[in-house]
C-alpha atoms as a PDB file:
ATOM      1  CA  UNK A   1     -11.410  42.230   6.234  1.00  0.00           C
ATOM      2  CA  UNK A   2     -11.207  41.733   2.472  1.00  0.00           C
ATOM      3  CA  UNK A   3      -7.451  41.157   2.710  1.00  0.00           C
ATOM      4  CA  UNK A   4      -7.949  38.589   5.472  1.00  0.00           C
ATOM      5  CA  UNK A   5     -10.537  36.776   3.343  1.00  0.00           C
ATOM      6  CA  UNK A   6      -8.117  36.586   0.402  1.00  0.00           C
ATOM      7  CA  UNK A   7      -5.398  35.202   2.690  1.00  0.00           C
ATOM      8  CA  UNK A   8      -7.747  32.501   4.060  1.00  0.00           C
ATOM      9  CA  UNK A   9      -8.824  31.492   0.555  1.00  0.00           C
ATOM     10  CA  UNK A  10      -5.171  31.224  -0.473  1.00  0.00           C
ATOM     11  CA  UNK A  11      -4.375  29.047   2.539  1.00  0.00           C
ATOM     12  CA  UNK A  12      -7.294  26.745   1.853  1.00  0.00           C
ATOM     13  CA  UNK A  13      -6.224  26.391  -1.752  1.00  0.00           C
ATOM     14  CA  UNK A  14      -2.710  25.494  -0.643  1.00  0.00           C
ATOM     15  CA  UNK A  15      -4.071  22.601   1.403  1.00  0.00           C
ATOM     16  CA  UNK A  16      -5.269  20.795  -1.712  1.00  0.00           C
ATOM     17  CA  UNK A  17      -2.915  19.328  -4.282  1.00  0.00           C
ATOM     18  CA  UNK A  18      -3.090  21.115  -7.669  1.00  0.00           C
ATOM     19  CA  UNK A  19      -5.536  19.376  -9.978  1.00  0.00           C
ATOM     20  CA  UNK A  20      -6.649  17.057  -7.213  1.00  0.00           C
ATOM     21  CA  UNK A  21      -9.292  16.826  -4.514  1.00  0.00           C
ATOM     22  CA  UNK A  22      -6.886  15.071  -2.123  1.00  0.00           C
ATOM     23  CA  UNK A  23      -5.962  17.347   0.796  1.00  0.00           C
ATOM     24  CA  UNK A  24      -2.286  17.900   1.589  1.00  0.00           C
ATOM     25  CA  UNK A  25      -1.126  16.654   4.970  1.00  0.00           C
ATOM     26  CA  UNK A  26       1.343  14.172   6.458  1.00  0.00           C
ATOM     27  CA  UNK A  27       0.033  11.131   4.540  1.00  0.00           C
ATOM     28  CA  UNK A  28      -0.334  12.850   1.157  1.00  0.00           C
ATOM     29  CA  UNK A  29       2.844  14.945   1.091  1.00  0.00           C
ATOM     30  CA  UNK A  30       5.549  12.936  -0.723  1.00  0.00           C
ATOM     31  CA  UNK A  31       8.713  12.573   1.351  1.00  0.00           C
ATOM     32  CA  UNK A  32      11.820  10.382   1.020  1.00  0.00           C
ATOM     33  CA  UNK A  33      13.372   8.448   3.873  1.00  0.00           C
ATOM     34  CA  UNK A  34      16.854   9.202   5.154  1.00  0.00           C
ATOM     35  CA  UNK A  35      18.308   5.680   5.299  1.00  0.00           C
ATOM     36  CA  UNK A  36      20.934   5.070   2.549  1.00  0.00           C
ATOM     37  CA  UNK A  37      19.645   1.529   2.048  1.00  0.00           C
ATOM     38  CA  UNK A  38      16.178   2.936   1.336  1.00  0.00           C
ATOM     39  CA  UNK A  39      17.597   5.116  -1.439  1.00  0.00           C
ATOM     40  CA  UNK A  40      19.431   2.098  -2.818  1.00  0.00           C
ATOM     41  CA  UNK A  41      16.221   0.089  -2.842  1.00  0.00           C
ATOM     42  CA  UNK A  42      14.388   2.922  -4.639  1.00  0.00           C
ATOM     43  CA  UNK A  43      17.085   3.007  -7.313  1.00  0.00           C
ATOM     44  CA  UNK A  44      16.889  -0.771  -7.692  1.00  0.00           C
ATOM     45  CA  UNK A  45      13.131  -0.493  -8.192  1.00  0.00           C
ATOM     46  CA  UNK A  46      13.651   2.282 -10.738  1.00  0.00           C
ATOM     47  CA  UNK A  47      15.901  -0.133 -12.652  1.00  0.00           C
ATOM     48  CA  UNK A  48      13.269  -2.849 -12.306  1.00  0.00           C
ATOM     49  CA  UNK A  49      10.760  -0.421 -13.816  1.00  0.00           C
ATOM     50  CA  UNK A  50      12.731  -0.468 -17.059  1.00  0.00           C
ATOM     51  CA  UNK A  51      12.375  -4.214 -17.506  1.00  0.00           C
ATOM     52  CA  UNK A  52      10.033  -5.569 -20.127  1.00  0.00           C
ATOM     53  CA  UNK A  53       7.231  -8.042 -19.642  1.00  0.00           C
ATOM     54  CA  UNK A  54       5.968  -6.971 -16.203  1.00  0.00           C
ATOM     55  CA  UNK A  55       2.271  -7.850 -16.172  1.00  0.00           C
ATOM     56  CA  UNK A  56       1.571  -7.603 -12.435  1.00  0.00           C
ATOM     57  CA  UNK A  57       3.145  -5.018 -10.113  1.00  0.00           C
ATOM     58  CA  UNK A  58       2.905  -5.369  -6.338  1.00  0.00           C
ATOM     59  CA  UNK A  59       3.227  -2.023  -4.522  1.00  0.00           C
ATOM     60  CA  UNK A  60       3.500  -1.652  -0.760  1.00  0.00           C
ATOM     61  CA  UNK A  61       5.628  -1.950   2.364  1.00  0.00           C
ATOM     62  CA  UNK A  62       7.404  -4.843   4.127  1.00  0.00           C
ATOM     63  CA  UNK A  63       4.396  -7.146   3.841  1.00  0.00           C
ATOM     64  CA  UNK A  64       4.754  -6.863   0.075  1.00  0.00           C
ATOM     65  CA  UNK A  65       8.558  -6.883   0.019  1.00  0.00           C
ATOM     66  CA  UNK A  66       8.702 -10.079   2.103  1.00  0.00           C
ATOM     67  CA  UNK A  67       7.254 -12.065  -0.792  1.00  0.00           C
ATOM     68  CA  UNK A  68      10.898 -11.971  -1.949  1.00  0.00           C
ATOM     69  CA  UNK A  69      12.520 -13.516   1.149  1.00  0.00           C
ATOM     70  CA  UNK A  70      13.661 -17.139   0.882  1.00  0.00           C
ATOM     71  CA  UNK A  71      12.468 -18.174   4.330  1.00  0.00           C
ATOM     72  CA  UNK A  72       9.112 -16.397   4.196  1.00  0.00           C
ATOM     73  CA  UNK A  73       7.315 -15.682   0.952  1.00  0.00           C
ATOM     74  CA  UNK A  74       9.662 -16.484  -1.909  1.00  0.00           C
ATOM     75  CA  UNK A  75       8.477 -20.039  -2.566  1.00  0.00           C
ATOM     76  CA  UNK A  76       4.895 -18.789  -2.774  1.00  0.00           C
ATOM     77  CA  UNK A  77       5.964 -15.915  -5.014  1.00  0.00           C
ATOM     78  CA  UNK A  78       7.775 -18.285  -7.354  1.00  0.00           C
ATOM     79  CA  UNK A  79       4.752 -20.585  -7.526  1.00  0.00           C
ATOM     80  CA  UNK A  80       1.939 -18.055  -7.938  1.00  0.00           C
ATOM     81  CA  UNK A  81       3.293 -14.751  -9.227  1.00  0.00           C
ATOM     82  CA  UNK A  82       6.600 -15.194 -11.042  1.00  0.00           C
ATOM     83  CA  UNK A  83       4.895 -17.173 -13.861  1.00  0.00           C
ATOM     84  CA  UNK A  84       2.579 -14.205 -14.398  1.00  0.00           C
ATOM     85  CA  UNK A  85       5.450 -11.786 -14.946  1.00  0.00           C
ATOM     86  CA  UNK A  86       5.130 -10.130 -11.533  1.00  0.00           C
ATOM     87  CA  UNK A  87       7.447  -7.486 -10.079  1.00  0.00           C
ATOM     88  CA  UNK A  88       7.766  -6.537  -6.404  1.00  0.00           C
ATOM     89  CA  UNK A  89       7.770  -2.823  -5.522  1.00  0.00           C
ATOM     90  CA  UNK A  90       7.539  -3.201  -1.753  1.00  0.00           C
ATOM     91  CA  UNK A  91       9.868  -1.478   0.712  1.00  0.00           C
ATOM     92  CA  UNK A  92       9.862  -2.332   4.400  1.00  0.00           C
ATOM     93  CA  UNK A  93       8.797   0.518   6.670  1.00  0.00           C
ATOM     94  CA  UNK A  94       7.163   2.633   3.987  1.00  0.00           C
ATOM     95  CA  UNK A  95       4.117   4.766   4.657  1.00  0.00           C
ATOM     96  CA  UNK A  96       1.813   6.308   2.056  1.00  0.00           C
ATOM     97  CA  UNK A  97       3.945   9.453   1.798  1.00  0.00           C
ATOM     98  CA  UNK A  98       7.039   7.386   0.965  1.00  0.00           C
ATOM     99  CA  UNK A  99       5.256   5.458  -1.795  1.00  0.00           C
ATOM    100  CA  UNK A 100       4.060   8.758  -3.254  1.00  0.00           C
ATOM    101  CA  UNK A 101       7.655  10.021  -3.315  1.00  0.00           C
ATOM    102  CA  UNK A 102       8.822   6.825  -4.988  1.00  0.00           C
ATOM    103  CA  UNK A 103       6.155   7.114  -7.678  1.00  0.00           C
ATOM    104  CA  UNK A 104       7.207  10.719  -8.270  1.00  0.00           C
ATOM    105  CA  UNK A 105      10.874   9.707  -8.580  1.00  0.00           C
ATOM    106  CA  UNK A 106      11.004   6.787 -10.982  1.00  0.00           C
ATOM    107  CA  UNK A 107       9.158   3.795  -9.558  1.00  0.00           C
ATOM    108  CA  UNK A 108       6.958   2.208 -12.256  1.00  0.00           C
ATOM    109  CA  UNK A 109       8.187   4.701 -14.869  1.00  0.00           C
ATOM    110  CA  UNK A 110       7.857   3.071 -18.266  1.00  0.00           C
ATOM    111  CA  UNK A 111       5.914   0.056 -17.012  1.00  0.00           C
ATOM    112  CA  UNK A 112       2.585  -0.997 -18.462  1.00  0.00           C
ATOM    113  CA  UNK A 113       1.332  -3.665 -16.054  1.00  0.00           C
ATOM    114  CA  UNK A 114      -2.126  -5.069 -16.580  1.00  0.00           C
ATOM    115  CA  UNK A 115      -2.697  -5.400 -12.825  1.00  0.00           C
ATOM    116  CA  UNK A 116      -1.322  -3.468  -9.849  1.00  0.00           C
ATOM    117  CA  UNK A 117      -1.770  -4.970  -6.382  1.00  0.00           C
ATOM    118  CA  UNK A 118      -1.647  -2.197  -3.787  1.00  0.00           C
ATOM    119  CA  UNK A 119      -1.546  -2.589  -0.027  1.00  0.00           C
ATOM    120  CA  UNK A 120      -0.181   0.250   2.089  1.00  0.00           C
ATOM    121  CA  UNK A 121      -1.052   2.059   5.297  1.00  0.00           C
ATOM    122  CA  UNK A 122      -0.248  -0.214   8.228  1.00  0.00           C
ATOM    123  CA  UNK A 123       2.872   1.818   9.029  1.00  0.00           C
ATOM    124  CA  UNK A 124       0.845   5.035   9.026  1.00  0.00           C
ATOM    125  CA  UNK A 125      -1.005   3.517  11.976  1.00  0.00           C
ATOM    126  CA  UNK A 126       1.703   1.475  13.685  1.00  0.00           C
ATOM    127  CA  UNK A 127       4.548   4.000  13.609  1.00  0.00           C
ATOM    128  CA  UNK A 128       2.512   6.337  15.804  1.00  0.00           C
ATOM    129  CA  UNK A 129       3.371   4.043  18.699  1.00  0.00           C
ATOM    130  CA  UNK A 130       7.125   4.247  18.095  1.00  0.00           C
ATOM    131  CA  UNK A 131       9.586   6.975  19.075  1.00  0.00           C
ATOM    132  CA  UNK A 132       9.598  10.031  16.846  1.00  0.00           C
ATOM    133  CA  UNK A 133       6.236  11.658  17.386  1.00  0.00           C
ATOM    134  CA  UNK A 134       4.666  10.612  14.073  1.00  0.00           C
ATOM    135  CA  UNK A 135       0.898  11.122  13.933  1.00  0.00           C
ATOM    136  CA  UNK A 136      -1.548  10.111  11.200  1.00  0.00           C
ATOM    137  CA  UNK A 137      -5.297   9.492  11.413  1.00  0.00           C
ATOM    138  CA  UNK A 138      -7.333   6.878   9.587  1.00  0.00           C
ATOM    139  CA  UNK A 139      -8.817   9.632   7.431  1.00  0.00           C
ATOM    140  CA  UNK A 140      -5.362  10.919   6.518  1.00  0.00           C
ATOM    141  CA  UNK A 141      -4.145   7.421   5.682  1.00  0.00           C
ATOM    142  CA  UNK A 142      -7.156   6.916   3.423  1.00  0.00           C
ATOM    143  CA  UNK A 143      -6.334  10.211   1.705  1.00  0.00           C
ATOM    144  CA  UNK A 144      -2.778   8.964   1.153  1.00  0.00           C
ATOM    145  CA  UNK A 145      -4.041   5.747  -0.425  1.00  0.00           C
ATOM    146  CA  UNK A 146      -6.407   7.740  -2.627  1.00  0.00           C
ATOM    147  CA  UNK A 147      -3.480   9.902  -3.738  1.00  0.00           C
ATOM    148  CA  UNK A 148      -1.435   6.792  -4.592  1.00  0.00           C
ATOM    149  CA  UNK A 149      -4.283   5.408  -6.675  1.00  0.00           C
ATOM    150  CA  UNK A 150      -4.428   8.725  -8.515  1.00  0.00           C
ATOM    151  CA  UNK A 151      -0.705   8.508  -9.272  1.00  0.00           C
ATOM    152  CA  UNK A 152      -1.008   4.901 -10.437  1.00  0.00           C
ATOM    153  CA  UNK A 153      -3.876   5.738 -12.782  1.00  0.00           C
ATOM    154  CA  UNK A 154      -1.839   8.492 -14.427  1.00  0.00           C
ATOM    155  CA  UNK A 155       1.379   6.479 -14.589  1.00  0.00           C
ATOM    156  CA  UNK A 156      -0.203   3.195 -15.722  1.00  0.00           C
ATOM    157  CA  UNK A 157      -3.529   4.161 -17.308  1.00  0.00           C
ATOM    158  CA  UNK A 158      -4.197   0.692 -18.730  1.00  0.00           C
ATOM    159  CA  UNK A 159      -3.824  -1.141 -15.411  1.00  0.00           C
ATOM    160  CA  UNK A 160      -6.512  -2.563 -13.173  1.00  0.00           C
ATOM    161  CA  UNK A 161      -5.759  -1.769  -9.526  1.00  0.00           C
ATOM    162  CA  UNK A 162      -6.476  -4.412  -6.893  1.00  0.00           C
ATOM    163  CA  UNK A 163      -6.636  -2.486  -3.623  1.00  0.00           C
ATOM    164  CA  UNK A 164      -6.069  -4.787  -0.661  1.00  0.00           C
ATOM    165  CA  UNK A 165      -7.543  -3.934   2.727  1.00  0.00           C
ATOM    166  CA  UNK A 166      -4.779  -3.349   5.268  1.00  0.00           C
ATOM    167  CA  UNK A 167      -4.141  -6.588   7.132  1.00  0.00           C
ATOM    168  CA  UNK A 168      -4.990  -6.888  10.850  1.00  0.00           C
ATOM    169  CA  UNK A 169      -2.340  -5.588  13.219  1.00  0.00           C
ATOM    170  CA  UNK A 170      -1.875  -6.506  16.868  1.00  0.00           C
ATOM    171  CA  UNK A 171      -2.895  -9.539  18.855  1.00  0.00           C
ATOM    172  CA  UNK A 172      -6.351  -8.345  19.938  1.00  0.00           C
ATOM    173  CA  UNK A 173      -9.212  -6.462  18.310  1.00  0.00           C
ATOM    174  CA  UNK A 174      -8.723  -3.691  20.873  1.00  0.00           C
ATOM    175  CA  UNK A 175      -5.196  -2.952  19.656  1.00  0.00           C
ATOM    176  CA  UNK A 176      -5.239   0.773  18.703  1.00  0.00           C
ATOM    177  CA  UNK A 177      -3.253   0.263  15.503  1.00  0.00           C
ATOM    178  CA  UNK A 178      -5.620  -2.496  14.414  1.00  0.00           C
ATOM    179  CA  UNK A 179      -8.609  -0.322  15.175  1.00  0.00           C
ATOM    180  CA  UNK A 180      -7.131   2.440  13.038  1.00  0.00           C
ATOM    181  CA  UNK A 181      -6.423   0.021  10.186  1.00  0.00           C
ATOM    182  CA  UNK A 182     -10.031  -1.160  10.388  1.00  0.00           C
ATOM    183  CA  UNK A 183     -11.234   2.445  10.234  1.00  0.00           C
ATOM    184  CA  UNK A 184      -8.984   3.130   7.241  1.00  0.00           C
ATOM    185  CA  UNK A 185     -10.322   0.034   5.472  1.00  0.00           C
ATOM    186  CA  UNK A 186     -13.877   1.255   5.973  1.00  0.00           C
ATOM    187  CA  UNK A 187     -12.895   4.462   4.178  1.00  0.00           C
ATOM    188  CA  UNK A 188     -10.864   3.054   1.290  1.00  0.00           C
ATOM    189  CA  UNK A 189     -13.516   0.468   0.486  1.00  0.00           C
ATOM    190  CA  UNK A 190     -15.356   3.303  -1.229  1.00  0.00           C
ATOM    191  CA  UNK A 191     -12.438   3.972  -3.593  1.00  0.00           C
ATOM    192  CA  UNK A 192     -13.330   0.896  -5.631  1.00  0.00           C
ATOM    193  CA  UNK A 193     -15.450   1.385  -8.733  1.00  0.00           C
ATOM    194  CA  UNK A 194     -15.266  -2.257  -9.959  1.00  0.00           C
ATOM    195  CA  UNK A 195     -14.039  -0.914 -13.294  1.00  0.00           C
ATOM    196  CA  UNK A 196     -10.458   0.179 -12.747  1.00  0.00           C
ATOM    197  CA  UNK A 197     -10.166  -0.164  -8.951  1.00  0.00           C
ATOM    198  CA  UNK A 198     -11.203  -3.326  -7.120  1.00  0.00           C
ATOM    199  CA  UNK A 199     -11.242  -3.802  -3.332  1.00  0.00           C
ATOM    200  CA  UNK A 200     -10.414  -7.054  -1.535  1.00  0.00           C
ATOM    201  CA  UNK A 201     -10.484  -7.712   2.212  1.00  0.00           C
ATOM    202  CA  UNK A 202      -9.125 -11.043   3.445  1.00  0.00           C
ATOM    203  CA  UNK A 203      -8.071  -9.950   6.928  1.00  0.00           C
ATOM    204  CA  UNK A 204     -10.301 -12.399   8.783  1.00  0.00           C
ATOM    205  CA  UNK A 205      -8.464 -15.328   7.208  1.00  0.00           C
ATOM    206  CA  UNK A 206      -5.436 -14.432   9.314  1.00  0.00           C
ATOM    207  CA  UNK A 207      -7.295 -14.421  12.649  1.00  0.00           C
ATOM    208  CA  UNK A 208      -8.640 -16.916  15.138  1.00  0.00           C
ATOM    209  CA  UNK A 209     -12.443 -17.250  15.391  1.00  0.00           C
ATOM    210  CA  UNK A 210     -12.449 -14.922  18.414  1.00  0.00           C
ATOM    211  CA  UNK A 211     -10.664 -12.203  16.442  1.00  0.00           C
ATOM    212  CA  UNK A 212      -7.228 -12.616  18.033  1.00  0.00           C
ATOM    213  CA  UNK A 213      -4.136 -12.804  15.886  1.00  0.00           C
ATOM    214  CA  UNK A 214      -2.930 -16.258  14.870  1.00  0.00           C
ATOM    215  CA  UNK A 215       0.785 -16.639  15.618  1.00  0.00           C
ATOM    216  CA  UNK A 216       1.323 -19.350  12.983  1.00  0.00           C
ATOM    217  CA  UNK A 217       0.091 -16.899  10.338  1.00  0.00           C
ATOM    218  CA  UNK A 218       1.324 -13.556  11.741  1.00  0.00           C
ATOM    219  CA  UNK A 219       4.247 -14.366  14.060  1.00  0.00           C
ATOM    220  CA  UNK A 220       4.800 -10.769  15.205  1.00  0.00           C
ATOM    221  CA  UNK A 221       1.150  -9.752  14.723  1.00  0.00           C
ATOM    222  CA  UNK A 222       2.107  -7.599  11.725  1.00  0.00           C
ATOM    223  CA  UNK A 223       4.000  -9.654   9.146  1.00  0.00           C
ATOM    224  CA  UNK A 224       3.016 -12.926   7.539  1.00  0.00           C
ATOM    225  CA  UNK A 225       4.632 -16.330   7.850  1.00  0.00           C
ATOM    226  CA  UNK A 226       5.057 -18.680   4.906  1.00  0.00           C
ATOM    227  CA  UNK A 227       1.608 -20.038   5.790  1.00  0.00           C
ATOM    228  CA  UNK A 228       0.217 -16.519   5.725  1.00  0.00           C
ATOM    229  CA  UNK A 229       1.607 -15.874   2.250  1.00  0.00           C
ATOM    230  CA  UNK A 230       0.054 -19.096   0.985  1.00  0.00           C
ATOM    231  CA  UNK A 231      -3.322 -18.005   2.383  1.00  0.00           C
ATOM    232  CA  UNK A 232      -2.973 -14.611   0.718  1.00  0.00           C
ATOM    233  CA  UNK A 233      -1.911 -16.120  -2.597  1.00  0.00           C
ATOM    234  CA  UNK A 234      -4.721 -18.667  -2.680  1.00  0.00           C
ATOM    235  CA  UNK A 235      -7.301 -15.987  -1.926  1.00  0.00           C
ATOM    236  CA  UNK A 236      -5.953 -13.521  -4.457  1.00  0.00           C
ATOM    237  CA  UNK A 237      -5.045 -15.856  -7.326  1.00  0.00           C
ATOM    238  CA  UNK A 238      -8.513 -16.136  -8.936  1.00  0.00           C
ATOM    239  CA  UNK A 239      -9.036 -12.384  -8.677  1.00  0.00           C
ATOM    240  CA  UNK A 240      -5.687 -11.561 -10.292  1.00  0.00           C
ATOM    241  CA  UNK A 241      -6.252 -14.094 -13.065  1.00  0.00           C
ATOM    242  CA  UNK A 242      -9.679 -12.642 -13.714  1.00  0.00           C
ATOM    243  CA  UNK A 243      -8.299  -9.106 -13.909  1.00  0.00           C
ATOM    244  CA  UNK A 244      -5.558 -10.243 -16.292  1.00  0.00           C
ATOM    245  CA  UNK A 245      -8.229 -11.472 -18.681  1.00  0.00           C
END
């Protein structure tokens, strides 16, 4: 019985990251992706991390990365964020576990941004409805975001972190991925301390009054149009400027 108790204690200890209260599971265990182009993008971001003068770092998935596309978000990026010395660390398709791996393998190394804008987690919900058998709960996704914030605090201790609520997903409020994102947002709201971590939820600005998705803002009910990026930028600009002060 004593031996069994020792084994159970050891197993429980293994489920928590060393020096952390974040449990280890699918969303908090850093993993790379297999696609060669993903590795290339990670290396490009590692090179970007060595550049000087980055004051604002955007970290996330495709919704962040698409600020850089000419026909979607680039004009808004050039107007609002490039003058502030912003750098884009978004990679399409990433989940929390992929961002954790990136942060452990060179992303943001050497940077001292004053503000980090973080939005991640929609793929933890949405990829459950694709082939492959991936599963991740709202609670696990929130744990993954908490782990990322922990990494960012250690890597960039002087930065203020603006944690964005995950944007709405799906055409209707009943969409299961949207419901999970909403549940995750309810959990990560509590990660803000209004000192180093600040929470911002602008999801309703992308929806119709009845709660349905607005196709002119989110054409595929996940990603933003040029109009959507302008809405995001206008909402976030005063907050980012305030944090930079």
